[in-house]
Amino acid sequence: MSVALIDVDGTLLVGPRSSEALFIRYLLRRGVLGPRQFGAATWFMARHGLRHGRHAFRKN
């Protein structure tokens, strides 16, 4: 059995690191998240970052 612990609202992990950032680093190191996906995420932030600020990271 596998268990996944995701701290979306930042109440479980102490410090500036979020579970999302740690998971993205993990995917980059493993080669699961490639340049195309990383570019798409960067483009998304460029489009929505100015309008929504830091909340753009939480936008689905």
PDB file of N, CA and C in Angstrom:
ATOM      1  N   MET A   1       0.838  -1.171   0.000  1.00  0.00           N
ATOM      2  CA  MET A   1       0.000   0.000   0.000  1.00  0.00           C
ATOM      3  C   MET A   1       0.888   1.241   0.000  1.00  0.00           C
ATOM      4  N   SER A   2       0.532   2.214  -0.808  1.00  0.00           N
ATOM      5  CA  SER A   2       1.269   3.472  -0.887  1.00  0.00           C
ATOM      6  C   SER A   2       0.444   4.592  -0.283  1.00  0.00           C
ATOM      7  N   VAL A   3       1.138   5.556   0.293  1.00  0.00           N
ATOM      8  CA  VAL A   3       0.475   6.711   0.894  1.00  0.00           C
ATOM      9  C   VAL A   3       1.109   7.967   0.320  1.00  0.00           C
ATOM     10  N   ALA A   4       0.282   8.931  -0.025  1.00  0.00           N
ATOM     11  CA  ALA A   4       0.769  10.219  -0.525  1.00  0.00           C
ATOM     12  C   ALA A   4       0.325  11.308   0.437  1.00  0.00           C
ATOM     13  N   LEU A   5       1.261  12.131   0.858  1.00  0.00           N
ATOM     14  CA  LEU A   5       0.970  13.245   1.753  1.00  0.00           C
ATOM     15  C   LEU A   5       1.254  14.530   0.995  1.00  0.00           C
ATOM     16  N   ILE A   6       0.217  15.317   0.754  1.00  0.00           N
ATOM     17  CA  ILE A   6       0.358  16.558  -0.002  1.00  0.00           C
ATOM     18  C   ILE A   6      -0.115  17.706   0.871  1.00  0.00           C
ATOM     19  N   ASP A   7       0.772  18.651   1.120  1.00  0.00           N
ATOM     20  CA  ASP A   7       0.473  19.798   1.971  1.00  0.00           C
ATOM     21  C   ASP A   7       0.124  20.992   1.087  1.00  0.00           C
ATOM     22  N   VAL A   8      -1.119  21.065   0.639  1.00  0.00           N
ATOM     23  CA  VAL A   8      -1.531  22.101  -0.303  1.00  0.00           C
ATOM     24  C   VAL A   8      -1.608  23.471   0.358  1.00  0.00           C
ATOM     25  N   ASP A   9      -2.086  23.539   1.589  1.00  0.00           N
ATOM     26  CA  ASP A   9      -2.274  24.842   2.218  1.00  0.00           C
ATOM     27  C   ASP A   9      -1.094  25.285   3.077  1.00  0.00           C
ATOM     28  N   GLY A  10      -0.025  24.501   3.123  1.00  0.00           N
ATOM     29  CA  GLY A  10       1.189  24.907   3.822  1.00  0.00           C
ATOM     30  C   GLY A  10       1.132  24.782   5.327  1.00  0.00           C
ATOM     31  N   THR A  11       0.312  23.891   5.863  1.00  0.00           N
ATOM     32  CA  THR A  11       0.208  23.753   7.310  1.00  0.00           C
ATOM     33  C   THR A  11       1.044  22.605   7.874  1.00  0.00           C
ATOM     34  N   LEU A  12       1.509  21.690   7.034  1.00  0.00           N
ATOM     35  CA  LEU A  12       2.251  20.531   7.529  1.00  0.00           C
ATOM     36  C   LEU A  12       3.761  20.675   7.402  1.00  0.00           C
ATOM     37  N   LEU A  13       4.226  21.282   6.337  1.00  0.00           N
ATOM     38  CA  LEU A  13       5.661  21.467   6.130  1.00  0.00           C
ATOM     39  C   LEU A  13       6.082  22.835   6.653  1.00  0.00           C
ATOM     40  N   VAL A  14       7.109  22.846   7.473  1.00  0.00           N
ATOM     41  CA  VAL A  14       7.595  24.093   8.050  1.00  0.00           C
ATOM     42  C   VAL A  14       8.654  24.693   7.136  1.00  0.00           C
ATOM     43  N   GLY A  15       8.621  25.995   6.973  1.00  0.00           N
ATOM     44  CA  GLY A  15       9.622  26.674   6.158  1.00  0.00           C
ATOM     45  C   GLY A  15       9.064  27.106   4.819  1.00  0.00           C
ATOM     46  N   PRO A  16       9.942  27.664   3.991  1.00  0.00           N
ATOM     47  CA  PRO A  16       9.486  28.213   2.714  1.00  0.00           C
ATOM     48  C   PRO A  16       9.201  27.156   1.647  1.00  0.00           C
ATOM     49  N   ARG A  17       9.559  25.912   1.902  1.00  0.00           N
ATOM     50  CA  ARG A  17       9.362  24.870   0.888  1.00  0.00           C
ATOM     51  C   ARG A  17       7.939  24.341   0.941  1.00  0.00           C
ATOM     52  N   SER A  18       7.343  24.214  -0.209  1.00  0.00           N
ATOM     53  CA  SER A  18       6.013  23.619  -0.290  1.00  0.00           C
ATOM     54  C   SER A  18       6.147  22.209  -0.845  1.00  0.00           C
ATOM     55  N   SER A  19       5.138  21.401  -0.617  1.00  0.00           N
ATOM     56  CA  SER A  19       5.178  20.037  -1.144  1.00  0.00           C
ATOM     57  C   SER A  19       5.161  20.050  -2.667  1.00  0.00           C
ATOM     58  N   GLU A  20       4.490  21.067  -3.253  1.00  0.00           N
ATOM     59  CA  GLU A  20       4.453  21.163  -4.708  1.00  0.00           C
ATOM     60  C   GLU A  20       5.841  21.419  -5.283  1.00  0.00           C
ATOM     61  N   ALA A  21       6.578  22.339  -4.667  1.00  0.00           N
ATOM     62  CA  ALA A  21       7.930  22.656  -5.142  1.00  0.00           C
ATOM     63  C   ALA A  21       8.853  21.449  -5.003  1.00  0.00           C
ATOM     64  N   LEU A  22       8.746  20.751  -3.891  1.00  0.00           N
ATOM     65  CA  LEU A  22       9.563  19.553  -3.695  1.00  0.00           C
ATOM     66  C   LEU A  22       9.212  18.476  -4.718  1.00  0.00           C
ATOM     67  N   PHE A  23       7.919  18.333  -5.011  1.00  0.00           N
ATOM     68  CA  PHE A  23       7.482  17.332  -5.982  1.00  0.00           C
ATOM     69  C   PHE A  23       7.955  17.686  -7.384  1.00  0.00           C
ATOM     70  N   ILE A  24       7.918  18.961  -7.746  1.00  0.00           N
ATOM     71  CA  ILE A  24       8.397  19.395  -9.064  1.00  0.00           C
ATOM     72  C   ILE A  24       9.889  19.121  -9.196  1.00  0.00           C
ATOM     73  N   ARG A  25      10.658  19.416  -8.157  1.00  0.00           N
ATOM     74  CA  ARG A  25      12.101  19.113  -8.187  1.00  0.00           C
ATOM     75  C   ARG A  25      12.339  17.616  -8.356  1.00  0.00           C
ATOM     76  N   TYR A  26      11.554  16.818  -7.662  1.00  0.00           N
ATOM     77  CA  TYR A  26      11.660  15.358  -7.779  1.00  0.00           C
ATOM     78  C   TYR A  26      11.397  14.920  -9.221  1.00  0.00           C
ATOM     79  N   LEU A  27      10.335  15.447  -9.830  1.00  0.00           N
ATOM     80  CA  LEU A  27      10.001  15.084 -11.208  1.00  0.00           C
ATOM     81  C   LEU A  27      11.088  15.526 -12.181  1.00  0.00           C
ATOM     82  N   LEU A  28      11.665  16.704 -11.962  1.00  0.00           N
ATOM     83  CA  LEU A  28      12.743  17.182 -12.829  1.00  0.00           C
ATOM     84  C   LEU A  28      13.965  16.278 -12.725  1.00  0.00           C
ATOM     85  N   ARG A  29      14.327  15.885 -11.497  1.00  0.00           N
ATOM     86  CA  ARG A  29      15.492  15.019 -11.304  1.00  0.00           C
ATOM     87  C   ARG A  29      15.300  13.644 -11.935  1.00  0.00           C
ATOM     88  N   ARG A  30      14.091  13.125 -11.886  1.00  0.00           N
ATOM     89  CA  ARG A  30      13.789  11.806 -12.442  1.00  0.00           C
ATOM     90  C   ARG A  30      13.576  11.832 -13.949  1.00  0.00           C
ATOM     91  N   GLY A  31      13.474  13.014 -14.530  1.00  0.00           N
ATOM     92  CA  GLY A  31      13.261  13.124 -15.964  1.00  0.00           C
ATOM     93  C   GLY A  31      11.814  12.945 -16.392  1.00  0.00           C
ATOM     94  N   VAL A  32      10.898  12.965 -15.429  1.00  0.00           N
ATOM     95  CA  VAL A  32       9.476  12.815 -15.739  1.00  0.00           C
ATOM     96  C   VAL A  32       8.914  14.115 -16.294  1.00  0.00           C
ATOM     97  N   LEU A  33       9.359  15.213 -15.750  1.00  0.00           N
ATOM     98  CA  LEU A  33       8.937  16.534 -16.204  1.00  0.00           C
ATOM     99  C   LEU A  33      10.018  17.060 -17.139  1.00  0.00           C
ATOM    100  N   GLY A  34       9.690  17.132 -18.407  1.00  0.00           N
ATOM    101  CA  GLY A  34      10.664  17.537 -19.408  1.00  0.00           C
ATOM    102  C   GLY A  34      10.592  19.015 -19.739  1.00  0.00           C
ATOM    103  N   PRO A  35      11.414  19.445 -20.676  1.00  0.00           N
ATOM    104  CA  PRO A  35      11.462  20.855 -21.057  1.00  0.00           C
ATOM    105  C   PRO A  35      10.123  21.376 -21.589  1.00  0.00           C
ATOM    106  N   ARG A  36       9.396  20.533 -22.301  1.00  0.00           N
ATOM    107  CA  ARG A  36       8.114  20.980 -22.859  1.00  0.00           C
ATOM    108  C   ARG A  36       7.095  21.277 -21.750  1.00  0.00           C
ATOM    109  N   GLN A  37       6.994  20.394 -20.771  1.00  0.00           N
ATOM    110  CA  GLN A  37       6.069  20.606 -19.666  1.00  0.00           C
ATOM    111  C   GLN A  37       6.504  21.789 -18.807  1.00  0.00           C
ATOM    112  N   PHE A  38       7.811  21.896 -18.576  1.00  0.00           N
ATOM    113  CA  PHE A  38       8.332  23.011 -17.788  1.00  0.00           C
ATOM    114  C   PHE A  38       8.071  24.329 -18.515  1.00  0.00           C
ATOM    115  N   GLY A  39       8.237  24.333 -19.837  1.00  0.00           N
ATOM    116  CA  GLY A  39       7.952  25.526 -20.632  1.00  0.00           C
ATOM    117  C   GLY A  39       6.482  25.901 -20.590  1.00  0.00           C
ATOM    118  N   ALA A  40       5.607  24.900 -20.626  1.00  0.00           N
ATOM    119  CA  ALA A  40       4.166  25.169 -20.550  1.00  0.00           C
ATOM    120  C   ALA A  40       3.799  25.792 -19.209  1.00  0.00           C
ATOM    121  N   ALA A  41       4.393  25.301 -18.139  1.00  0.00           N
ATOM    122  CA  ALA A  41       4.128  25.867 -16.816  1.00  0.00           C
ATOM    123  C   ALA A  41       4.661  27.291 -16.718  1.00  0.00           C
ATOM    124  N   THR A  42       5.832  27.534 -17.290  1.00  0.00           N
ATOM    125  CA  THR A  42       6.409  28.880 -17.289  1.00  0.00           C
ATOM    126  C   THR A  42       5.542  29.832 -18.094  1.00  0.00           C
ATOM    127  N   TRP A  43       5.056  29.374 -19.240  1.00  0.00           N
ATOM    128  CA  TRP A  43       4.174  30.201 -20.072  1.00  0.00           C
ATOM    129  C   TRP A  43       2.867  30.500 -19.336  1.00  0.00           C
ATOM    130  N   PHE A  44       2.330  29.516 -18.620  1.00  0.00           N
ATOM    131  CA  PHE A  44       1.115  29.722 -17.827  1.00  0.00           C
ATOM    132  C   PHE A  44       1.340  30.814 -16.789  1.00  0.00           C
ATOM    133  N   MET A  45       2.487  30.743 -16.098  1.00  0.00           N
ATOM    134  CA  MET A  45       2.780  31.751 -15.071  1.00  0.00           C
ATOM    135  C   MET A  45       2.980  33.127 -15.692  1.00  0.00           C
ATOM    136  N   ALA A  46       3.569  33.181 -16.876  1.00  0.00           N
ATOM    137  CA  ALA A  46       3.758  34.468 -17.550  1.00  0.00           C
ATOM    138  C   ALA A  46       2.406  35.077 -17.910  1.00  0.00           C
ATOM    139  N   ARG A  47       1.462  34.256 -18.333  1.00  0.00           N
ATOM    140  CA  ARG A  47       0.134  34.762 -18.714  1.00  0.00           C
ATOM    141  C   ARG A  47      -0.701  35.158 -17.510  1.00  0.00           C
ATOM    142  N   HIS A  48      -0.665  34.362 -16.447  1.00  0.00           N
ATOM    143  CA  HIS A  48      -1.568  34.580 -15.322  1.00  0.00           C
ATOM    144  C   HIS A  48      -0.893  35.198 -14.098  1.00  0.00           C
ATOM    145  N   GLY A  49       0.426  35.239 -14.072  1.00  0.00           N
ATOM    146  CA  GLY A  49       1.145  35.729 -12.903  1.00  0.00           C
ATOM    147  C   GLY A  49       0.899  37.190 -12.593  1.00  0.00           C
ATOM    148  N   LEU A  50       0.882  38.038 -13.608  1.00  0.00           N
ATOM    149  CA  LEU A  50       0.670  39.464 -13.362  1.00  0.00           C
ATOM    150  C   LEU A  50      -0.746  39.742 -12.868  1.00  0.00           C
ATOM    151  N   ARG A  51      -1.697  39.020 -13.397  1.00  0.00           N
ATOM    152  CA  ARG A  51      -3.096  39.244 -13.028  1.00  0.00           C
ATOM    153  C   ARG A  51      -3.428  38.683 -11.644  1.00  0.00           C
ATOM    154  N   HIS A  52      -2.932  37.482 -11.348  1.00  0.00           N
ATOM    155  CA  HIS A  52      -3.306  36.795 -10.116  1.00  0.00           C
ATOM    156  C   HIS A  52      -2.198  36.772  -9.067  1.00  0.00           C
ATOM    157  N   GLY A  53      -1.005  37.229  -9.414  1.00  0.00           N
ATOM    158  CA  GLY A  53       0.099  37.227  -8.461  1.00  0.00           C
ATOM    159  C   GLY A  53       0.459  35.819  -8.017  1.00  0.00           C
ATOM    160  N   ARG A  54       0.771  35.680  -6.740  1.00  0.00           N
ATOM    161  CA  ARG A  54       1.167  34.367  -6.215  1.00  0.00           C
ATOM    162  C   ARG A  54       0.029  33.364  -6.240  1.00  0.00           C
ATOM    163  N   HIS A  55      -1.209  33.845  -6.379  1.00  0.00           N
ATOM    164  CA  HIS A  55      -2.361  32.946  -6.420  1.00  0.00           C
ATOM    165  C   HIS A  55      -2.442  32.178  -7.741  1.00  0.00           C
ATOM    166  N   ALA A  56      -1.684  32.603  -8.737  1.00  0.00           N
ATOM    167  CA  ALA A  56      -1.674  31.883 -10.019  1.00  0.00           C
ATOM    168  C   ALA A  56      -1.144  30.466  -9.838  1.00  0.00           C
ATOM    169  N   PHE A  57      -0.309  30.246  -8.824  1.00  0.00           N
ATOM    170  CA  PHE A  57       0.196  28.901  -8.561  1.00  0.00           C
ATOM    171  C   PHE A  57      -0.922  27.972  -8.108  1.00  0.00           C
ATOM    172  N   ARG A  58      -1.954  28.539  -7.518  1.00  0.00           N
ATOM    173  CA  ARG A  58      -3.058  27.724  -7.012  1.00  0.00           C
ATOM    174  C   ARG A  58      -4.181  27.584  -8.022  1.00  0.00           C
ATOM    175  N   LYS A  59      -4.064  28.260  -9.150  1.00  0.00           N
ATOM    176  CA  LYS A  59      -5.102  28.213 -10.178  1.00  0.00           C
ATOM    177  C   LYS A  59      -5.055  26.859 -10.889  1.00  0.00           C
ATOM    178  N   ASN A  60      -6.200  26.251 -11.066  1.00  0.00           N
ATOM    179  CA  ASN A  60      -6.272  24.954 -11.754  1.00  0.00           C
ATOM    180  C   ASN A  60      -6.556  25.144 -13.206  1.00  0.00           C
TER     181      ASN A  60
END
